[in-house]
Protein backbone atom coordinates (compact mmCIF):
# COMPACT_ATOMS: atom_id res chain seq x y z
CA MET A 1 92.40 75.26 100.43
CA LYS A 2 89.86 78.08 100.54
CA LEU A 3 89.38 80.40 97.59
CA GLN A 4 90.42 83.44 99.66
CA GLU A 5 93.71 81.78 100.60
CA ARG A 6 94.44 80.93 96.96
CA ILE A 7 93.71 84.50 95.87
CA SER A 8 95.89 85.82 98.69
CA PHE A 9 98.80 83.58 97.68
CA LEU A 10 98.42 84.52 94.02
CA PHE A 11 98.33 88.24 94.83
CA THR A 12 101.32 88.02 97.19
CA GLY A 13 103.35 85.96 94.73
CA THR A 14 102.60 88.36 91.89
CA ALA A 15 103.50 91.35 94.05
CA TYR A 16 106.83 89.75 95.06
CA ILE A 17 107.70 89.00 91.44
CA ILE A 18 106.89 92.54 90.31
CA VAL A 19 108.84 94.12 93.18
CA GLY A 20 111.77 91.76 92.61
CA PHE A 21 111.85 92.69 88.93
CA LEU A 22 111.74 96.40 89.75
CA VAL A 23 114.55 96.06 92.30
CA VAL A 24 116.75 94.33 89.72
CA THR A 25 115.98 96.78 86.92
CA GLN A 26 115.79 99.93 89.05
CA PRO A 27 117.88 99.62 92.24
CA ARG A 28 116.76 103.01 93.51
CA PHE A 29 113.22 101.65 93.66
CA PHE A 30 114.41 99.34 96.46
CA TYR A 31 115.29 102.29 98.68
CA TYR A 32 111.96 104.01 98.04
CA TRP A 33 110.08 100.76 98.66
CA ILE A 34 111.78 100.18 102.02
CA ALA A 35 111.28 103.82 103.05
CA GLY A 36 107.59 103.57 102.13
CA ILE A 37 107.17 100.43 104.24
CA PHE A 38 108.72 102.12 107.27
CA LEU A 39 106.51 105.18 106.83
CA LEU A 40 103.33 103.11 106.49
CA GLN A 41 104.23 100.90 109.46
CA GLY A 42 104.97 103.96 111.56
CA ILE A 43 101.64 105.56 110.72
CA ALA A 44 99.80 102.29 111.37
CA SER A 45 101.54 101.90 114.75
CA ILE A 46 100.62 105.44 115.80
CA ILE A 47 97.00 104.91 114.78
CA ARG A 48 96.88 101.58 116.65
CA GLY A 49 98.40 103.23 119.70
CA LEU A 50 95.93 106.07 119.68
CA THR A 51 92.89 103.87 119.10
CA ALA A 52 93.97 101.29 121.69
CA THR A 53 94.44 104.02 124.28
CA ALA A 54 91.04 105.53 123.52
CA GLN A 55 89.32 102.13 123.75
CA GLU A 56 91.03 101.25 127.05
CA GLU A 57 90.01 104.57 128.61
CA GLU A 58 86.37 104.00 127.61
CA ASP A 59 86.25 100.56 129.31
C-alpha cells in the first residue's frame, strides 16, 4: 500500500471518528454538518458546470 493511501485512510478514519463523536454529543452539529455538505457540493457543481461549459466552447 502506498504512503499516500495510508495517510488518506488515516485522515478519513480520524475525521469519521471525530464527526461521529460530535454527532453523539451534539446532535445539532449533525444538521449543520449535512447542510454544509449540501452547500459545498452545490457550489462545486456550479463551478464544474461553468468551467466545463467554458472549456467545451473553447474547443
